[in-house]
């Protein structure tokens, strides 16, 4: 399953941003429109790097499909950043 939403929250001592829900699924529209160019670039990089293009595409797809459920929290002394991919 591909990611549908990303939730981003930032909190500092003086300012707290409400959690922003970003619709990641809307990025699929330009990705589909640009897919012929993206495929040519991927094939060119794979040929230049002596990598099997089908394996590279399969690996990219596996990474993309494993993103849902990712939770990243970064905390410093006074700032907190949260990124969740749903």
N, C-alpha and C. Protein backbone atom coordinates (compact mmCIF):
# COMPACT_ATOMS: atom_id res chain seq x y z
N UNK A 1 0.84 -1.17 0.00
CA UNK A 1 0.00 0.00 0.00
C UNK A 1 0.88 1.23 0.00
N UNK A 2 0.59 2.18 -0.83
CA UNK A 2 1.38 3.40 -0.90
C UNK A 2 0.90 4.39 0.16
N UNK A 3 1.77 5.30 0.58
CA UNK A 3 1.37 6.26 1.62
C UNK A 3 0.31 7.23 1.11
N UNK A 4 -0.64 7.56 1.97
CA UNK A 4 -1.72 8.47 1.60
C UNK A 4 -1.60 9.83 2.25
N UNK A 5 -1.17 9.88 3.51
CA UNK A 5 -1.07 11.14 4.23
C UNK A 5 0.24 11.19 5.01
N UNK A 6 0.74 12.40 5.20
CA UNK A 6 1.87 12.65 6.08
C UNK A 6 1.41 13.67 7.12
N UNK A 7 1.70 13.39 8.38
CA UNK A 7 1.33 14.29 9.47
C UNK A 7 2.61 14.89 10.02
N UNK A 8 2.66 16.22 10.04
CA UNK A 8 3.86 16.93 10.49
C UNK A 8 3.48 17.85 11.64
N UNK A 9 4.23 17.76 12.73
CA UNK A 9 4.00 18.64 13.88
C UNK A 9 5.31 19.21 14.38
N UNK A 10 5.34 20.50 14.69
CA UNK A 10 6.53 21.18 15.20
C UNK A 10 6.15 21.91 16.47
N UNK A 11 7.00 21.78 17.50
CA UNK A 11 6.72 22.44 18.77
C UNK A 11 8.02 23.03 19.31
N UNK A 12 7.99 24.33 19.61
CA UNK A 12 9.11 25.03 20.24
C UNK A 12 8.61 25.60 21.56
N UNK A 13 9.48 26.15 22.42
CA UNK A 13 9.01 26.71 23.69
C UNK A 13 8.03 27.87 23.52
N UNK A 14 8.20 28.67 22.47
CA UNK A 14 7.35 29.84 22.29
C UNK A 14 6.23 29.62 21.27
N UNK A 15 6.30 28.55 20.50
CA UNK A 15 5.36 28.39 19.40
C UNK A 15 5.04 26.92 19.21
N UNK A 16 3.78 26.64 18.98
CA UNK A 16 3.36 25.26 18.71
C UNK A 16 2.50 25.25 17.47
N UNK A 17 2.93 24.55 16.48
CA UNK A 17 2.19 24.43 15.23
C UNK A 17 1.20 23.28 15.35
N UNK A 18 -0.05 23.50 14.96
CA UNK A 18 -0.98 22.36 14.95
C UNK A 18 -0.49 21.34 13.92
N UNK A 19 -0.81 20.10 14.15
CA UNK A 19 -0.34 19.06 13.25
C UNK A 19 -0.95 19.25 11.87
N UNK A 20 -0.08 19.28 10.88
CA UNK A 20 -0.51 19.47 9.49
C UNK A 20 -0.67 18.13 8.81
N UNK A 21 -1.81 17.91 8.20
CA UNK A 21 -2.06 16.69 7.44
C UNK A 21 -1.82 17.01 5.97
N UNK A 22 -0.81 16.40 5.38
CA UNK A 22 -0.49 16.64 3.98
C UNK A 22 -0.93 15.44 3.14
N UNK A 23 -1.76 15.67 2.12
CA UNK A 23 -2.23 14.55 1.29
C UNK A 23 -1.15 14.12 0.30
N UNK A 24 -0.44 13.07 0.62
CA UNK A 24 0.65 12.58 -0.22
C UNK A 24 0.11 11.96 -1.51
N UNK A 25 -1.13 11.45 -1.46
CA UNK A 25 -1.68 10.80 -2.65
C UNK A 25 -1.83 11.77 -3.82
N UNK A 26 -1.87 13.07 -3.56
CA UNK A 26 -1.97 14.04 -4.65
C UNK A 26 -0.68 14.14 -5.45
N UNK A 27 0.43 13.67 -4.89
CA UNK A 27 1.69 13.66 -5.62
C UNK A 27 1.71 12.62 -6.74
N UNK A 28 0.76 11.69 -6.70
CA UNK A 28 0.71 10.66 -7.74
C UNK A 28 0.30 11.25 -9.08
N UNK A 29 -0.47 12.32 -9.09
CA UNK A 29 -0.92 12.93 -10.35
C UNK A 29 0.27 13.43 -11.17
N UNK A 30 1.16 14.28 -10.60
CA UNK A 30 2.32 14.69 -11.41
C UNK A 30 3.29 13.53 -11.66
N UNK A 31 3.36 12.57 -10.73
CA UNK A 31 4.26 11.43 -10.94
C UNK A 31 3.81 10.60 -12.14
N UNK A 32 2.51 10.42 -12.31
CA UNK A 32 2.00 9.66 -13.45
C UNK A 32 2.24 10.44 -14.75
N UNK A 33 2.04 11.75 -14.70
CA UNK A 33 2.26 12.55 -15.90
C UNK A 33 3.74 12.59 -16.30
N UNK A 34 4.62 12.58 -15.33
CA UNK A 34 6.06 12.64 -15.60
C UNK A 34 6.71 11.26 -15.70
N UNK A 35 5.93 10.20 -15.60
CA UNK A 35 6.49 8.86 -15.56
C UNK A 35 7.35 8.49 -16.76
N UNK A 36 7.05 8.91 -18.00
CA UNK A 36 7.97 8.56 -19.09
C UNK A 36 9.36 9.16 -18.90
N UNK A 37 9.42 10.40 -18.43
CA UNK A 37 10.72 11.04 -18.21
C UNK A 37 11.44 10.42 -17.02
N UNK A 38 10.68 10.10 -15.97
CA UNK A 38 11.28 9.46 -14.79
C UNK A 38 11.86 8.11 -15.18
N UNK A 39 11.14 7.35 -16.00
CA UNK A 39 11.61 6.04 -16.44
C UNK A 39 12.89 6.16 -17.27
N UNK A 40 12.95 7.15 -18.16
CA UNK A 40 14.17 7.35 -18.94
C UNK A 40 15.36 7.72 -18.07
N UNK A 41 15.14 8.55 -17.07
CA UNK A 41 16.23 8.93 -16.16
C UNK A 41 16.70 7.72 -15.36
N UNK A 42 15.75 6.93 -14.85
CA UNK A 42 16.11 5.74 -14.08
C UNK A 42 16.89 4.75 -14.95
N UNK A 43 16.44 4.54 -16.17
CA UNK A 43 17.14 3.63 -17.08
C UNK A 43 18.54 4.15 -17.40
N UNK A 44 18.67 5.45 -17.62
CA UNK A 44 19.99 6.03 -17.90
C UNK A 44 20.94 5.89 -16.73
N UNK A 45 20.46 6.13 -15.52
CA UNK A 45 21.30 6.00 -14.33
C UNK A 45 21.68 4.54 -14.12
N UNK A 46 20.75 3.63 -14.36
CA UNK A 46 21.04 2.21 -14.18
C UNK A 46 22.06 1.71 -15.19
N UNK A 47 21.95 2.16 -16.43
CA UNK A 47 22.93 1.75 -17.44
C UNK A 47 24.30 2.33 -17.10
N UNK A 48 24.34 3.59 -16.68
CA UNK A 48 25.62 4.21 -16.33
C UNK A 48 26.25 3.56 -15.10
N UNK A 49 25.42 3.10 -14.17
CA UNK A 49 25.95 2.50 -12.94
C UNK A 49 26.02 0.99 -12.97
N UNK A 50 25.72 0.38 -14.12
CA UNK A 50 25.75 -1.08 -14.29
C UNK A 50 24.86 -1.78 -13.27
N UNK A 51 23.61 -1.30 -13.16
CA UNK A 51 22.63 -1.87 -12.24
C UNK A 51 21.45 -2.38 -13.07
N UNK A 52 20.89 -3.50 -12.66
CA UNK A 52 19.71 -4.04 -13.34
C UNK A 52 18.53 -3.08 -13.12
N UNK A 53 17.96 -2.50 -14.19
CA UNK A 53 16.87 -1.52 -14.01
C UNK A 53 15.63 -2.11 -13.36
N UNK A 54 15.28 -3.35 -13.65
CA UNK A 54 14.10 -3.96 -13.05
C UNK A 54 14.28 -4.15 -11.56
N UNK A 55 15.49 -4.50 -11.16
CA UNK A 55 15.75 -4.66 -9.73
C UNK A 55 15.70 -3.30 -9.02
N UNK A 56 16.21 -2.26 -9.68
CA UNK A 56 16.19 -0.92 -9.09
C UNK A 56 14.75 -0.43 -8.93
N UNK A 57 13.91 -0.65 -9.93
CA UNK A 57 12.51 -0.23 -9.85
C UNK A 57 11.78 -1.03 -8.77
N UNK A 58 12.05 -2.34 -8.69
CA UNK A 58 11.41 -3.17 -7.66
C UNK A 58 11.82 -2.74 -6.26
N UNK A 59 13.09 -2.38 -6.09
CA UNK A 59 13.57 -1.92 -4.78
C UNK A 59 12.93 -0.60 -4.41
N UNK A 60 12.84 0.33 -5.35
CA UNK A 60 12.20 1.62 -5.09
C UNK A 60 10.74 1.42 -4.70
N UNK A 61 10.04 0.55 -5.42
CA UNK A 61 8.63 0.30 -5.13
C UNK A 61 8.46 -0.33 -3.75
N UNK A 62 9.36 -1.25 -3.38
CA UNK A 62 9.28 -1.88 -2.06
C UNK A 62 9.50 -0.86 -0.94
N UNK A 63 10.43 0.05 -1.14
CA UNK A 63 10.67 1.10 -0.14
C UNK A 63 9.46 2.02 -0.04
N UNK A 64 8.89 2.41 -1.18
CA UNK A 64 7.73 3.29 -1.19
C UNK A 64 6.53 2.64 -0.49
N UNK A 65 6.31 1.36 -0.73
CA UNK A 65 5.17 0.68 -0.13
C UNK A 65 5.38 0.38 1.36
N UNK A 66 6.61 0.41 1.84
CA UNK A 66 6.85 0.16 3.26
C UNK A 66 6.84 1.44 4.09
N UNK A 67 6.63 2.60 3.49
CA UNK A 67 6.61 3.86 4.23
C UNK A 67 5.43 4.02 5.19
N UNK A 68 4.21 3.57 4.86
CA UNK A 68 3.11 3.76 5.82
C UNK A 68 3.43 3.10 7.17
N UNK A 69 3.14 3.82 8.23
CA UNK A 69 3.46 3.34 9.57
C UNK A 69 4.76 3.89 10.10
N UNK A 70 5.45 4.72 9.31
CA UNK A 70 6.72 5.30 9.75
C UNK A 70 6.45 6.47 10.69
N UNK A 71 7.11 6.47 11.83
CA UNK A 71 7.02 7.56 12.81
C UNK A 71 8.43 8.05 13.10
N UNK A 72 8.68 9.32 12.86
CA UNK A 72 9.98 9.92 13.12
C UNK A 72 9.79 11.04 14.11
N UNK A 73 10.49 10.96 15.24
CA UNK A 73 10.48 12.02 16.24
C UNK A 73 11.91 12.53 16.43
N UNK A 74 12.07 13.83 16.28
CA UNK A 74 13.37 14.46 16.48
C UNK A 74 13.19 15.46 17.62
N UNK A 75 14.00 15.31 18.66
CA UNK A 75 13.89 16.17 19.83
C UNK A 75 15.26 16.74 20.16
N UNK A 76 15.30 18.06 20.31
CA UNK A 76 16.50 18.71 20.83
C UNK A 76 16.16 19.21 22.22
N UNK A 77 16.95 20.11 22.75
CA UNK A 77 16.72 20.59 24.11
C UNK A 77 15.33 21.20 24.28
N UNK A 78 14.86 21.94 23.27
CA UNK A 78 13.57 22.63 23.44
C UNK A 78 12.66 22.53 22.23
N UNK A 79 13.06 21.86 21.18
CA UNK A 79 12.25 21.76 19.96
C UNK A 79 11.92 20.31 19.69
N UNK A 80 10.67 20.07 19.31
CA UNK A 80 10.21 18.73 18.98
C UNK A 80 9.61 18.74 17.57
N UNK A 81 10.00 17.77 16.76
CA UNK A 81 9.46 17.63 15.41
C UNK A 81 8.94 16.19 15.27
N UNK A 82 7.73 16.06 14.76
CA UNK A 82 7.11 14.75 14.56
C UNK A 82 6.69 14.63 13.11
N UNK A 83 7.06 13.52 12.48
CA UNK A 83 6.62 13.20 11.12
C UNK A 83 6.08 11.78 11.15
N UNK A 84 4.82 11.64 10.76
CA UNK A 84 4.19 10.32 10.65
C UNK A 84 3.68 10.15 9.24
N UNK A 85 3.87 8.97 8.69
CA UNK A 85 3.37 8.67 7.36
C UNK A 85 2.30 7.62 7.51
N UNK A 86 1.09 7.93 7.07
CA UNK A 86 -0.05 7.03 7.20
C UNK A 86 -0.41 6.41 5.87
